[in-house]
ModelCIF file with pLDDT and N, C-alpha, C, O atoms, coordinates in Angstrom:
data_MODEL
#
_entry.id   MODEL 
#
_entity.id                         1 
_entity.type                       polymer 
_entity.pdbx_number_of_molecules   1 
#
_entity_poly.entity_id                      1 
_entity_poly.type                           'polypeptide(L)' 
_entity_poly.nstd_linkage                   no 
_entity_poly.nstd_monomer                   no 
_entity_poly.pdbx_seq_one_letter_code       INTLMTSNGQAPFVTLFMHTDENDPYLDQTVRIIEEILK 
_entity_poly.pdbx_seq_one_letter_code_can   INTLMTSNGQAPFVTLFMHTDENDPYLDQTVRIIEEILK 
_entity_poly.pdbx_strand_id                 A 
#
loop_
_entity_poly_seq.entity_id 
_entity_poly_seq.num 
_entity_poly_seq.mon_id 
_entity_poly_seq.hetero 
1 1  ILE n 
1 2  ASN n 
1 3  THR n 
1 4  LEU n 
1 5  MET n 
1 6  THR n 
1 7  SER n 
1 8  ASN n 
1 9  GLY n 
1 10 GLN n 
1 11 ALA n 
1 12 PRO n 
1 13 PHE n 
1 14 VAL n 
1 15 THR n 
1 16 LEU n 
1 17 PHE n 
1 18 MET n 
1 19 HIS n 
1 20 THR n 
1 21 ASP n 
1 22 GLU n 
1 23 ASN n 
1 24 ASP n 
1 25 PRO n 
1 26 TYR n 
1 27 LEU n 
1 28 ASP n 
1 29 GLN n 
1 30 THR n 
1 31 VAL n 
1 32 ARG n 
1 33 ILE n 
1 34 ILE n 
1 35 GLU n 
1 36 GLU n 
1 37 ILE n 
1 38 LEU n 
1 39 LYS n 
#
_struct_asym.id          A 
_struct_asym.entity_id   1 
#
loop_
_ma_qa_metric.id 
_ma_qa_metric.mode 
_ma_qa_metric.name 
_ma_qa_metric.software_group_id 
_ma_qa_metric.type 
1 global pLDDT . pLDDT 
2 local  pLDDT . pLDDT 
#
_ma_qa_metric_global.metric_id      1 
_ma_qa_metric_global.metric_value   90.23 
_ma_qa_metric_global.model_id       1 
_ma_qa_metric_global.ordinal_id     1 
#
loop_
_ma_qa_metric_local.label_asym_id 
_ma_qa_metric_local.label_comp_id 
_ma_qa_metric_local.label_seq_id 
_ma_qa_metric_local.metric_id 
_ma_qa_metric_local.metric_value 
_ma_qa_metric_local.model_id 
_ma_qa_metric_local.ordinal_id 
A ILE 1  2 88.00 1 1  
A ASN 2  2 82.00 1 2  
A THR 3  2 83.00 1 3  
A LEU 4  2 81.00 1 4  
A MET 5  2 76.00 1 5  
A THR 6  2 73.00 1 6  
A SER 7  2 74.00 1 7  
A ASN 8  2 72.00 1 8  
A GLY 9  2 73.00 1 9  
A GLN 10 2 73.00 1 10 
A ALA 11 2 75.00 1 11 
A PRO 12 2 80.00 1 12 
A PHE 13 2 83.00 1 13 
A VAL 14 2 88.00 1 14 
A THR 15 2 92.00 1 15 
A LEU 16 2 96.00 1 16 
A PHE 17 2 97.00 1 17 
A MET 18 2 98.00 1 18 
A HIS 19 2 98.00 1 19 
A THR 20 2 97.00 1 20 
A ASP 21 2 96.00 1 21 
A GLU 22 2 95.00 1 22 
A ASN 23 2 94.00 1 23 
A ASP 24 2 95.00 1 24 
A PRO 25 2 96.00 1 25 
A TYR 26 2 97.00 1 26 
A LEU 27 2 97.00 1 27 
A ASP 28 2 96.00 1 28 
A GLN 29 2 96.00 1 29 
A THR 30 2 97.00 1 30 
A VAL 31 2 98.00 1 31 
A ARG 32 2 97.00 1 32 
A ILE 33 2 98.00 1 33 
A ILE 34 2 98.00 1 34 
A GLU 35 2 98.00 1 35 
A GLU 36 2 98.00 1 36 
A ILE 37 2 98.00 1 37 
A LEU 38 2 98.00 1 38 
A LYS 39 2 98.00 1 39 
#
loop_
_atom_site.group_PDB 
_atom_site.id 
_atom_site.type_symbol 
_atom_site.label_atom_id 
_atom_site.label_alt_id 
_atom_site.label_comp_id 
_atom_site.label_asym_id 
_atom_site.label_entity_id 
_atom_site.label_seq_id 
_atom_site.pdbx_PDB_ins_code 
_atom_site.Cartn_x 
_atom_site.Cartn_y 
_atom_site.Cartn_z 
_atom_site.occupancy 
_atom_site.B_iso_or_equiv 
_atom_site.pdbx_formal_charge 
_atom_site.auth_seq_id 
_atom_site.auth_comp_id 
_atom_site.auth_asym_id 
_atom_site.auth_atom_id 
_atom_site.pdbx_PDB_model_num 
ATOM 1   N N  . ILE A 1 1  ? -129.582 77.565 -114.367 1.00 88.00 ? 1  ILE A N  1 
ATOM 2   C CA . ILE A 1 1  ? -128.465 77.225 -115.543 1.00 88.00 ? 1  ILE A CA 1 
ATOM 3   C C  . ILE A 1 1  ? -128.146 75.765 -115.981 1.00 88.00 ? 1  ILE A C  1 
ATOM 4   O O  . ILE A 1 1  ? -127.555 75.537 -117.037 1.00 88.00 ? 1  ILE A O  1 
ATOM 5   N N  . ASN A 1 2  ? -128.495 74.942 -115.266 1.00 82.00 ? 2  ASN A N  1 
ATOM 6   C CA . ASN A 1 2  ? -128.475 73.612 -115.340 1.00 82.00 ? 2  ASN A CA 1 
ATOM 7   C C  . ASN A 1 2  ? -129.533 72.635 -116.274 1.00 82.00 ? 2  ASN A C  1 
ATOM 8   O O  . ASN A 1 2  ? -129.379 71.503 -116.735 1.00 82.00 ? 2  ASN A O  1 
ATOM 9   N N  . THR A 1 3  ? -130.576 73.514 -116.332 1.00 83.00 ? 3  THR A N  1 
ATOM 10  C CA . THR A 1 3  ? -131.651 73.124 -116.992 1.00 83.00 ? 3  THR A CA 1 
ATOM 11  C C  . THR A 1 3  ? -132.105 73.769 -118.164 1.00 83.00 ? 3  THR A C  1 
ATOM 12  O O  . THR A 1 3  ? -133.057 73.342 -118.817 1.00 83.00 ? 3  THR A O  1 
ATOM 13  N N  . LEU A 1 4  ? -131.478 74.758 -118.449 1.00 81.00 ? 4  LEU A N  1 
ATOM 14  C CA . LEU A 1 4  ? -131.553 76.133 -119.602 1.00 81.00 ? 4  LEU A CA 1 
ATOM 15  C C  . LEU A 1 4  ? -130.819 75.456 -120.572 1.00 81.00 ? 4  LEU A C  1 
ATOM 16  O O  . LEU A 1 4  ? -129.640 75.482 -120.220 1.00 81.00 ? 4  LEU A O  1 
ATOM 17  N N  . MET A 1 5  ? -130.990 74.707 -121.903 1.00 76.00 ? 5  MET A N  1 
ATOM 18  C CA . MET A 1 5  ? -130.180 74.331 -122.782 1.00 76.00 ? 5  MET A CA 1 
ATOM 19  C C  . MET A 1 5  ? -130.158 75.611 -123.983 1.00 76.00 ? 5  MET A C  1 
ATOM 20  O O  . MET A 1 5  ? -130.992 76.464 -124.287 1.00 76.00 ? 5  MET A O  1 
ATOM 21  N N  . THR A 1 6  ? -129.010 75.341 -124.406 1.00 73.00 ? 6  THR A N  1 
ATOM 22  C CA . THR A 1 6  ? -128.717 76.105 -125.698 1.00 73.00 ? 6  THR A CA 1 
ATOM 23  C C  . THR A 1 6  ? -129.254 75.337 -127.052 1.00 73.00 ? 6  THR A C  1 
ATOM 24  O O  . THR A 1 6  ? -130.093 74.444 -126.940 1.00 73.00 ? 6  THR A O  1 
ATOM 25  N N  . SER A 1 7  ? -128.855 75.634 -128.037 1.00 74.00 ? 7  SER A N  1 
ATOM 26  C CA . SER A 1 7  ? -129.795 75.363 -129.546 1.00 74.00 ? 7  SER A CA 1 
ATOM 27  C C  . SER A 1 7  ? -129.266 73.784 -129.430 1.00 74.00 ? 7  SER A C  1 
ATOM 28  O O  . SER A 1 7  ? -130.047 72.835 -129.483 1.00 74.00 ? 7  SER A O  1 
ATOM 29  N N  . ASN A 1 8  ? -127.842 73.646 -129.265 1.00 72.00 ? 8  ASN A N  1 
ATOM 30  C CA . ASN A 1 8  ? -127.328 72.194 -129.426 1.00 72.00 ? 8  ASN A CA 1 
ATOM 31  C C  . ASN A 1 8  ? -127.362 71.145 -128.241 1.00 72.00 ? 8  ASN A C  1 
ATOM 32  O O  . ASN A 1 8  ? -126.824 70.038 -128.267 1.00 72.00 ? 8  ASN A O  1 
ATOM 33  N N  . GLY A 1 9  ? -128.112 71.705 -127.164 1.00 73.00 ? 9  GLY A N  1 
ATOM 34  C CA . GLY A 1 9  ? -128.282 70.855 -126.162 1.00 73.00 ? 9  GLY A CA 1 
ATOM 35  C C  . GLY A 1 9  ? -127.648 70.992 -124.956 1.00 73.00 ? 9  GLY A C  1 
ATOM 36  O O  . GLY A 1 9  ? -127.953 70.341 -123.957 1.00 73.00 ? 9  GLY A O  1 
ATOM 37  N N  . GLN A 1 10 ? -126.609 71.973 -125.019 1.00 73.00 ? 10 GLN A N  1 
ATOM 38  C CA . GLN A 1 10 ? -125.705 71.806 -124.039 1.00 73.00 ? 10 GLN A CA 1 
ATOM 39  C C  . GLN A 1 10 ? -126.216 72.940 -122.911 1.00 73.00 ? 10 GLN A C  1 
ATOM 40  O O  . GLN A 1 10 ? -126.962 73.845 -123.287 1.00 73.00 ? 10 GLN A O  1 
ATOM 41  N N  . ALA A 1 11 ? -125.813 72.857 -121.613 1.00 75.00 ? 11 ALA A N  1 
ATOM 42  C CA . ALA A 1 11 ? -125.917 73.894 -120.616 1.00 75.00 ? 11 ALA A CA 1 
ATOM 43  C C  . ALA A 1 11 ? -125.211 75.012 -121.094 1.00 75.00 ? 11 ALA A C  1 
ATOM 44  O O  . ALA A 1 11 ? -124.251 74.908 -121.858 1.00 75.00 ? 11 ALA A O  1 
ATOM 45  N N  . PRO A 1 12 ? -125.788 76.404 -120.538 1.00 80.00 ? 12 PRO A N  1 
ATOM 46  C CA . PRO A 1 12 ? -124.847 77.414 -120.965 1.00 80.00 ? 12 PRO A CA 1 
ATOM 47  C C  . PRO A 1 12 ? -123.638 77.608 -120.364 1.00 80.00 ? 12 PRO A C  1 
ATOM 48  O O  . PRO A 1 12 ? -123.488 77.163 -119.226 1.00 80.00 ? 12 PRO A O  1 
ATOM 49  N N  . PHE A 1 13 ? -122.643 78.253 -120.968 1.00 83.00 ? 13 PHE A N  1 
ATOM 50  C CA . PHE A 1 13 ? -121.085 78.002 -120.214 1.00 83.00 ? 13 PHE A CA 1 
ATOM 51  C C  . PHE A 1 13 ? -120.990 79.242 -119.446 1.00 83.00 ? 13 PHE A C  1 
ATOM 52  O O  . PHE A 1 13 ? -120.438 80.248 -119.893 1.00 83.00 ? 13 PHE A O  1 
ATOM 53  N N  . VAL A 1 14 ? -121.571 79.163 -118.200 1.00 88.00 ? 14 VAL A N  1 
ATOM 54  C CA . VAL A 1 14 ? -121.776 80.337 -117.358 1.00 88.00 ? 14 VAL A CA 1 
ATOM 55  C C  . VAL A 1 14 ? -120.679 80.299 -116.158 1.00 88.00 ? 14 VAL A C  1 
ATOM 56  O O  . VAL A 1 14 ? -120.581 79.252 -115.519 1.00 88.00 ? 14 VAL A O  1 
ATOM 57  N N  . THR A 1 15 ? -119.865 81.390 -115.838 1.00 92.00 ? 15 THR A N  1 
ATOM 58  C CA . THR A 1 15 ? -119.070 81.578 -114.904 1.00 92.00 ? 15 THR A CA 1 
ATOM 59  C C  . THR A 1 15 ? -119.478 82.495 -113.790 1.00 92.00 ? 15 THR A C  1 
ATOM 60  O O  . THR A 1 15 ? -119.747 83.658 -114.092 1.00 92.00 ? 15 THR A O  1 
ATOM 61  N N  . LEU A 1 16 ? -119.568 82.060 -112.365 1.00 96.00 ? 16 LEU A N  1 
ATOM 62  C CA . LEU A 1 16 ? -119.723 82.850 -111.266 1.00 96.00 ? 16 LEU A CA 1 
ATOM 63  C C  . LEU A 1 16 ? -118.579 83.260 -110.821 1.00 96.00 ? 16 LEU A C  1 
ATOM 64  O O  . LEU A 1 16 ? -117.766 82.371 -110.567 1.00 96.00 ? 16 LEU A O  1 
ATOM 65  N N  . PHE A 1 17 ? -118.167 84.678 -110.592 1.00 97.00 ? 17 PHE A N  1 
ATOM 66  C CA . PHE A 1 17 ? -116.918 85.337 -110.145 1.00 97.00 ? 17 PHE A CA 1 
ATOM 67  C C  . PHE A 1 17 ? -116.950 85.759 -108.863 1.00 97.00 ? 17 PHE A C  1 
ATOM 68  O O  . PHE A 1 17 ? -117.563 86.803 -108.642 1.00 97.00 ? 17 PHE A O  1 
ATOM 69  N N  . MET A 1 18 ? -116.362 85.111 -107.840 1.00 98.00 ? 18 MET A N  1 
ATOM 70  C CA . MET A 1 18 ? -116.583 85.499 -106.444 1.00 98.00 ? 18 MET A CA 1 
ATOM 71  C C  . MET A 1 18 ? -115.461 86.387 -106.024 1.00 98.00 ? 18 MET A C  1 
ATOM 72  O O  . MET A 1 18 ? -114.332 85.898 -106.070 1.00 98.00 ? 18 MET A O  1 
ATOM 73  N N  . HIS A 1 19 ? -115.580 87.419 -105.686 1.00 98.00 ? 19 HIS A N  1 
ATOM 74  C CA . HIS A 1 19 ? -114.395 88.497 -105.300 1.00 98.00 ? 19 HIS A CA 1 
ATOM 75  C C  . HIS A 1 19 ? -114.673 89.278 -104.100 1.00 98.00 ? 19 HIS A C  1 
ATOM 76  O O  . HIS A 1 19 ? -115.511 90.178 -104.167 1.00 98.00 ? 19 HIS A O  1 
ATOM 77  N N  . THR A 1 20 ? -114.073 89.036 -103.030 1.00 97.00 ? 20 THR A N  1 
ATOM 78  C CA . THR A 1 20 ? -114.372 89.757 -101.934 1.00 97.00 ? 20 THR A CA 1 
ATOM 79  C C  . THR A 1 20 ? -113.605 91.160 -101.909 1.00 97.00 ? 20 THR A C  1 
ATOM 80  O O  . THR A 1 20 ? -112.741 91.281 -101.040 1.00 97.00 ? 20 THR A O  1 
ATOM 81  N N  . ASP A 1 21 ? -113.840 92.255 -102.795 1.00 96.00 ? 21 ASP A N  1 
ATOM 82  C CA . ASP A 1 21 ? -113.275 93.285 -103.248 1.00 96.00 ? 21 ASP A CA 1 
ATOM 83  C C  . ASP A 1 21 ? -113.773 94.369 -102.371 1.00 96.00 ? 21 ASP A C  1 
ATOM 84  O O  . ASP A 1 21 ? -114.973 94.630 -102.279 1.00 96.00 ? 21 ASP A O  1 
ATOM 85  N N  . GLU A 1 22 ? -112.743 95.068 -101.656 1.00 95.00 ? 22 GLU A N  1 
ATOM 86  C CA . GLU A 1 22 ? -113.176 95.818 -100.841 1.00 95.00 ? 22 GLU A CA 1 
ATOM 87  C C  . GLU A 1 22 ? -113.598 97.369 -101.258 1.00 95.00 ? 22 GLU A C  1 
ATOM 88  O O  . GLU A 1 22 ? -113.929 98.259 -100.473 1.00 95.00 ? 22 GLU A O  1 
ATOM 89  N N  . ASN A 1 23 ? -113.494 97.459 -102.777 1.00 94.00 ? 23 ASN A N  1 
ATOM 90  C CA . ASN A 1 23 ? -114.224 98.802 -103.196 1.00 94.00 ? 23 ASN A CA 1 
ATOM 91  C C  . ASN A 1 23 ? -115.649 98.272 -103.540 1.00 94.00 ? 23 ASN A C  1 
ATOM 92  O O  . ASN A 1 23 ? -116.330 99.158 -104.056 1.00 94.00 ? 23 ASN A O  1 
ATOM 93  N N  . ASP A 1 24 ? -116.208 97.239 -103.421 1.00 95.00 ? 24 ASP A N  1 
ATOM 94  C CA . ASP A 1 24 ? -117.677 96.845 -103.696 1.00 95.00 ? 24 ASP A CA 1 
ATOM 95  C C  . ASP A 1 24 ? -118.593 97.745 -102.607 1.00 95.00 ? 24 ASP A C  1 
ATOM 96  O O  . ASP A 1 24 ? -118.388 97.635 -101.398 1.00 95.00 ? 24 ASP A O  1 
ATOM 97  N N  . PRO A 1 25 ? -119.280 98.346 -102.970 1.00 96.00 ? 25 PRO A N  1 
ATOM 98  C CA . PRO A 1 25 ? -120.470 99.100 -102.207 1.00 96.00 ? 25 PRO A CA 1 
ATOM 99  C C  . PRO A 1 25 ? -121.210 97.889 -101.337 1.00 96.00 ? 25 PRO A C  1 
ATOM 100 O O  . PRO A 1 25 ? -121.523 98.043 -100.156 1.00 96.00 ? 25 PRO A O  1 
ATOM 101 N N  . TYR A 1 26 ? -121.428 96.750 -102.030 1.00 97.00 ? 26 TYR A N  1 
ATOM 102 C CA . TYR A 1 26 ? -122.443 95.973 -101.366 1.00 97.00 ? 26 TYR A CA 1 
ATOM 103 C C  . TYR A 1 26 ? -121.454 94.816 -100.959 1.00 97.00 ? 26 TYR A C  1 
ATOM 104 O O  . TYR A 1 26 ? -121.840 93.689 -101.271 1.00 97.00 ? 26 TYR A O  1 
ATOM 105 N N  . LEU A 1 27 ? -120.233 94.912 -100.309 1.00 97.00 ? 27 LEU A N  1 
ATOM 106 C CA . LEU A 1 27 ? -119.416 93.874 -100.040 1.00 97.00 ? 27 LEU A CA 1 
ATOM 107 C C  . LEU A 1 27 ? -120.031 93.019 -98.987  1.00 97.00 ? 27 LEU A C  1 
ATOM 108 O O  . LEU A 1 27 ? -119.788 91.818 -99.096  1.00 97.00 ? 27 LEU A O  1 
ATOM 109 N N  . ASP A 1 28 ? -120.743 93.375 -98.038  1.00 96.00 ? 28 ASP A N  1 
ATOM 110 C CA . ASP A 1 28 ? -121.339 92.653 -96.969  1.00 96.00 ? 28 ASP A CA 1 
ATOM 111 C C  . ASP A 1 28 ? -122.265 91.509 -97.670  1.00 96.00 ? 28 ASP A C  1 
ATOM 112 O O  . ASP A 1 28 ? -122.148 90.293 -97.513  1.00 96.00 ? 28 ASP A O  1 
ATOM 113 N N  . GLN A 1 29 ? -123.119 92.126 -98.399  1.00 96.00 ? 29 GLN A N  1 
ATOM 114 C CA . GLN A 1 29 ? -124.089 91.100 -99.181  1.00 96.00 ? 29 GLN A CA 1 
ATOM 115 C C  . GLN A 1 29 ? -123.342 90.206 -100.307 1.00 96.00 ? 29 GLN A C  1 
ATOM 116 O O  . GLN A 1 29 ? -123.707 89.061 -100.573 1.00 96.00 ? 29 GLN A O  1 
ATOM 117 N N  . THR A 1 30 ? -122.111 90.945 -101.021 1.00 97.00 ? 30 THR A N  1 
ATOM 118 C CA . THR A 1 30 ? -121.395 90.020 -101.710 1.00 97.00 ? 30 THR A CA 1 
ATOM 119 C C  . THR A 1 30 ? -120.850 88.738 -100.977 1.00 97.00 ? 30 THR A C  1 
ATOM 120 O O  . THR A 1 30 ? -120.771 87.603 -101.447 1.00 97.00 ? 30 THR A O  1 
ATOM 121 N N  . VAL A 1 31 ? -120.616 89.020 -100.158 1.00 98.00 ? 31 VAL A N  1 
ATOM 122 C CA . VAL A 1 31 ? -119.754 88.010 -99.202  1.00 98.00 ? 31 VAL A CA 1 
ATOM 123 C C  . VAL A 1 31 ? -120.905 86.886 -98.752  1.00 98.00 ? 31 VAL A C  1 
ATOM 124 O O  . VAL A 1 31 ? -120.635 85.685 -98.776  1.00 98.00 ? 31 VAL A O  1 
ATOM 125 N N  . ARG A 1 32 ? -122.309 87.422 -98.310  1.00 97.00 ? 32 ARG A N  1 
ATOM 126 C CA . ARG A 1 32 ? -123.225 86.572 -97.952  1.00 97.00 ? 32 ARG A CA 1 
ATOM 127 C C  . ARG A 1 32 ? -123.465 85.567 -99.264  1.00 97.00 ? 32 ARG A C  1 
ATOM 128 O O  . ARG A 1 32 ? -123.515 84.338 -99.214  1.00 97.00 ? 32 ARG A O  1 
ATOM 129 N N  . ILE A 1 33 ? -123.573 86.233 -100.208 1.00 98.00 ? 33 ILE A N  1 
ATOM 130 C CA . ILE A 1 33 ? -123.997 85.430 -101.445 1.00 98.00 ? 33 ILE A CA 1 
ATOM 131 C C  . ILE A 1 33 ? -122.850 84.246 -101.881 1.00 98.00 ? 33 ILE A C  1 
ATOM 132 O O  . ILE A 1 33 ? -123.199 83.122 -102.243 1.00 98.00 ? 33 ILE A O  1 
ATOM 133 N N  . ILE A 1 34 ? -121.462 84.667 -101.790 1.00 98.00 ? 34 ILE A N  1 
ATOM 134 C CA . ILE A 1 34 ? -120.400 83.728 -102.043 1.00 98.00 ? 34 ILE A CA 1 
ATOM 135 C C  . ILE A 1 34 ? -120.544 82.364 -101.164 1.00 98.00 ? 34 ILE A C  1 
ATOM 136 O O  . ILE A 1 34 ? -120.464 81.184 -101.504 1.00 98.00 ? 34 ILE A O  1 
ATOM 137 N N  . GLU A 1 35 ? -120.782 82.964 -99.936  1.00 98.00 ? 35 GLU A N  1 
ATOM 138 C CA . GLU A 1 35 ? -120.784 81.710 -98.947  1.00 98.00 ? 35 GLU A CA 1 
ATOM 139 C C  . GLU A 1 35 ? -122.075 80.804 -99.159  1.00 98.00 ? 35 GLU A C  1 
ATOM 140 O O  . GLU A 1 35 ? -122.077 79.632 -98.781  1.00 98.00 ? 35 GLU A O  1 
ATOM 141 N N  . GLU A 1 36 ? -123.004 81.303 -99.685  1.00 98.00 ? 36 GLU A N  1 
ATOM 142 C CA . GLU A 1 36 ? -124.430 80.527 -100.090 1.00 98.00 ? 36 GLU A CA 1 
ATOM 143 C C  . GLU A 1 36 ? -123.822 79.646 -101.416 1.00 98.00 ? 36 GLU A C  1 
ATOM 144 O O  . GLU A 1 36 ? -123.721 78.420 -101.407 1.00 98.00 ? 36 GLU A O  1 
ATOM 145 N N  . ILE A 1 37 ? -123.519 80.337 -102.319 1.00 98.00 ? 37 ILE A N  1 
ATOM 146 C CA . ILE A 1 37 ? -123.033 79.676 -103.405 1.00 98.00 ? 37 ILE A CA 1 
ATOM 147 C C  . ILE A 1 37 ? -121.898 78.581 -103.441 1.00 98.00 ? 37 ILE A C  1 
ATOM 148 O O  . ILE A 1 37 ? -121.972 77.689 -104.286 1.00 98.00 ? 37 ILE A O  1 
ATOM 149 N N  . LEU A 1 38 ? -121.075 78.615 -102.738 1.00 98.00 ? 38 LEU A N  1 
ATOM 150 C CA . LEU A 1 38 ? -120.159 77.513 -102.104 1.00 98.00 ? 38 LEU A CA 1 
ATOM 151 C C  . LEU A 1 38 ? -120.663 76.701 -101.491 1.00 98.00 ? 38 LEU A C  1 
ATOM 152 O O  . LEU A 1 38 ? -120.216 75.582 -101.744 1.00 98.00 ? 38 LEU A O  1 
ATOM 153 N N  . LYS A 1 39 ? -121.714 76.743 -100.486 1.00 98.00 ? 39 LYS A N  1 
ATOM 154 C CA . LYS A 1 39 ? -122.528 75.909 -99.619  1.00 98.00 ? 39 LYS A CA 1 
ATOM 155 C C  . LYS A 1 39 ? -123.277 75.108 -100.453 1.00 98.00 ? 39 LYS A C  1 
ATOM 156 O O  . LYS A 1 39 ? -124.067 74.291 -99.978  1.00 98.00 ? 39 LYS A O  1 
#
């Protein structure tokens, strides 16, 4: 994300949304991904 540039030389405006949603069938994996993103 930080090295891919748009046509005007900007990094793409990407947002990562981190939600420990109890309805998420992959919640255990999601939690581990969130932890690693934050670290």
